[in-house]
Amino acid sequence: MSGIIFIIFTLSAALIIGMLYNFLALQRFLVYPSRKILKERVKVLGGGGVLFFVIGMFLKSLQ
């Protein structure tokens, strides 16, 4: 069970790092892909990261 929890937390961290990378790309002057796509990626990656973090915390509390 602890291996699954570790994988969930690792996935959560990877998604949050991806969100931060896209957020920083959004701050640049000339960006490709467009700002609309980057905003969408930030929302999806951030939401997924938070969701997996909450699931990991829930599973950790059950252990």
C-alpha atoms as a PDB file:
ATOM      1  CA  MET A   1       0.000   0.000   0.000  1.00  0.00           C
ATOM      2  CA  SER A   2       2.847   2.387   0.759  1.00  0.00           C
ATOM      3  CA  GLY A   3       4.168   1.928  -2.795  1.00  0.00           C
ATOM      4  CA  ILE A   4       0.839   3.042  -4.241  1.00  0.00           C
ATOM      5  CA  ILE A   5       0.778   6.076  -1.951  1.00  0.00           C
ATOM      6  CA  PHE A   6       4.323   6.961  -3.020  1.00  0.00           C
ATOM      7  CA  ILE A   7       3.337   6.750  -6.704  1.00  0.00           C
ATOM      8  CA  ILE A   8       0.285   8.956  -6.104  1.00  0.00           C
ATOM      9  CA  PHE A   9       2.365  11.607  -4.310  1.00  0.00           C
ATOM     10  CA  THR A  10       5.024  11.454  -7.038  1.00  0.00           C
ATOM     11  CA  LEU A  11       2.379  11.905  -9.716  1.00  0.00           C
ATOM     12  CA  SER A  12       0.926  14.807  -7.752  1.00  0.00           C
ATOM     13  CA  ALA A  13       4.332  16.484  -7.566  1.00  0.00           C
ATOM     14  CA  ALA A  14       4.952  15.953 -11.293  1.00  0.00           C
ATOM     15  CA  LEU A  15       1.609  17.522 -12.189  1.00  0.00           C
ATOM     16  CA  ILE A  16       2.241  20.523  -9.939  1.00  0.00           C
ATOM     17  CA  ILE A  17       5.723  21.004 -11.432  1.00  0.00           C
ATOM     18  CA  GLY A  18       4.159  20.864 -14.901  1.00  0.00           C
ATOM     19  CA  MET A  19       1.628  23.467 -13.826  1.00  0.00           C
ATOM     20  CA  LEU A  20       4.381  25.765 -12.573  1.00  0.00           C
ATOM     21  CA  TYR A  21       6.347  25.334 -15.812  1.00  0.00           C
ATOM     22  CA  ASN A  22       3.333  26.281 -17.917  1.00  0.00           C
ATOM     23  CA  PHE A  23       2.484  29.172 -15.596  1.00  0.00           C
ATOM     24  CA  LEU A  24       5.996  30.568 -15.985  1.00  0.00           C
ATOM     25  CA  ALA A  25       5.738  30.119 -19.769  1.00  0.00           C
ATOM     26  CA  LEU A  26       2.523  32.125 -19.605  1.00  0.00           C
ATOM     27  CA  GLN A  27       4.429  35.045 -18.049  1.00  0.00           C
ATOM     28  CA  ARG A  28       6.854  35.350 -20.974  1.00  0.00           C
ATOM     29  CA  PHE A  29       6.336  38.075 -23.564  1.00  0.00           C
ATOM     30  CA  LEU A  30       6.139  35.956 -26.711  1.00  0.00           C
ATOM     31  CA  VAL A  31       4.755  32.524 -26.054  1.00  0.00           C
ATOM     32  CA  TYR A  32       3.922  29.514 -28.169  1.00  0.00           C
ATOM     33  CA  PRO A  33       1.423  27.863 -27.808  1.00  0.00           C
ATOM     34  CA  SER A  34      -1.126  30.607 -27.279  1.00  0.00           C
ATOM     35  CA  ARG A  35      -2.006  32.007 -23.886  1.00  0.00           C
ATOM     36  CA  LYS A  36      -5.437  30.377 -24.007  1.00  0.00           C
ATOM     37  CA  ILE A  37      -3.926  26.904 -24.323  1.00  0.00           C
ATOM     38  CA  LEU A  38      -1.375  27.599 -21.581  1.00  0.00           C
ATOM     39  CA  LYS A  39      -4.124  28.789 -19.216  1.00  0.00           C
ATOM     40  CA  GLU A  40      -6.056  25.602 -19.928  1.00  0.00           C
ATOM     41  CA  ARG A  41      -2.967  23.478 -19.213  1.00  0.00           C
ATOM     42  CA  VAL A  42      -2.342  25.327 -15.937  1.00  0.00           C
ATOM     43  CA  LYS A  43      -5.914  24.643 -14.804  1.00  0.00           C
ATOM     44  CA  VAL A  44      -5.875  20.963 -15.784  1.00  0.00           C
ATOM     45  CA  LEU A  45      -2.419  20.197 -14.370  1.00  0.00           C
ATOM     46  CA  GLY A  46      -3.079  22.132 -11.166  1.00  0.00           C
ATOM     47  CA  GLY A  47      -6.446  20.469 -10.646  1.00  0.00           C
ATOM     48  CA  GLY A  48      -4.983  17.035 -11.282  1.00  0.00           C
ATOM     49  CA  GLY A  49      -2.084  17.713  -8.922  1.00  0.00           C
ATOM     50  CA  VAL A  50      -4.390  18.829  -6.124  1.00  0.00           C
ATOM     51  CA  LEU A  51      -6.742  15.899  -6.733  1.00  0.00           C
ATOM     52  CA  PHE A  52      -3.945  13.320  -6.545  1.00  0.00           C
ATOM     53  CA  PHE A  53      -2.519  15.050  -3.461  1.00  0.00           C
ATOM     54  CA  VAL A  54      -5.887  14.829  -1.693  1.00  0.00           C
ATOM     55  CA  ILE A  55      -6.267  11.169  -2.697  1.00  0.00           C
ATOM     56  CA  GLY A  56      -2.759  10.485  -1.380  1.00  0.00           C
ATOM     57  CA  MET A  57      -3.520  12.196   1.914  1.00  0.00           C
ATOM     58  CA  PHE A  58      -6.754  10.217   2.225  1.00  0.00           C
ATOM     59  CA  LEU A  59      -4.981   6.910   1.587  1.00  0.00           C
ATOM     60  CA  LYS A  60      -2.187   7.902   3.983  1.00  0.00           C
ATOM     61  CA  SER A  61      -4.729   8.553   6.737  1.00  0.00           C
ATOM     62  CA  LEU A  62      -6.289   5.101   6.172  1.00  0.00           C
ATOM     63  CA  GLN A  63      -2.936   3.365   6.509  1.00  0.00           C
END
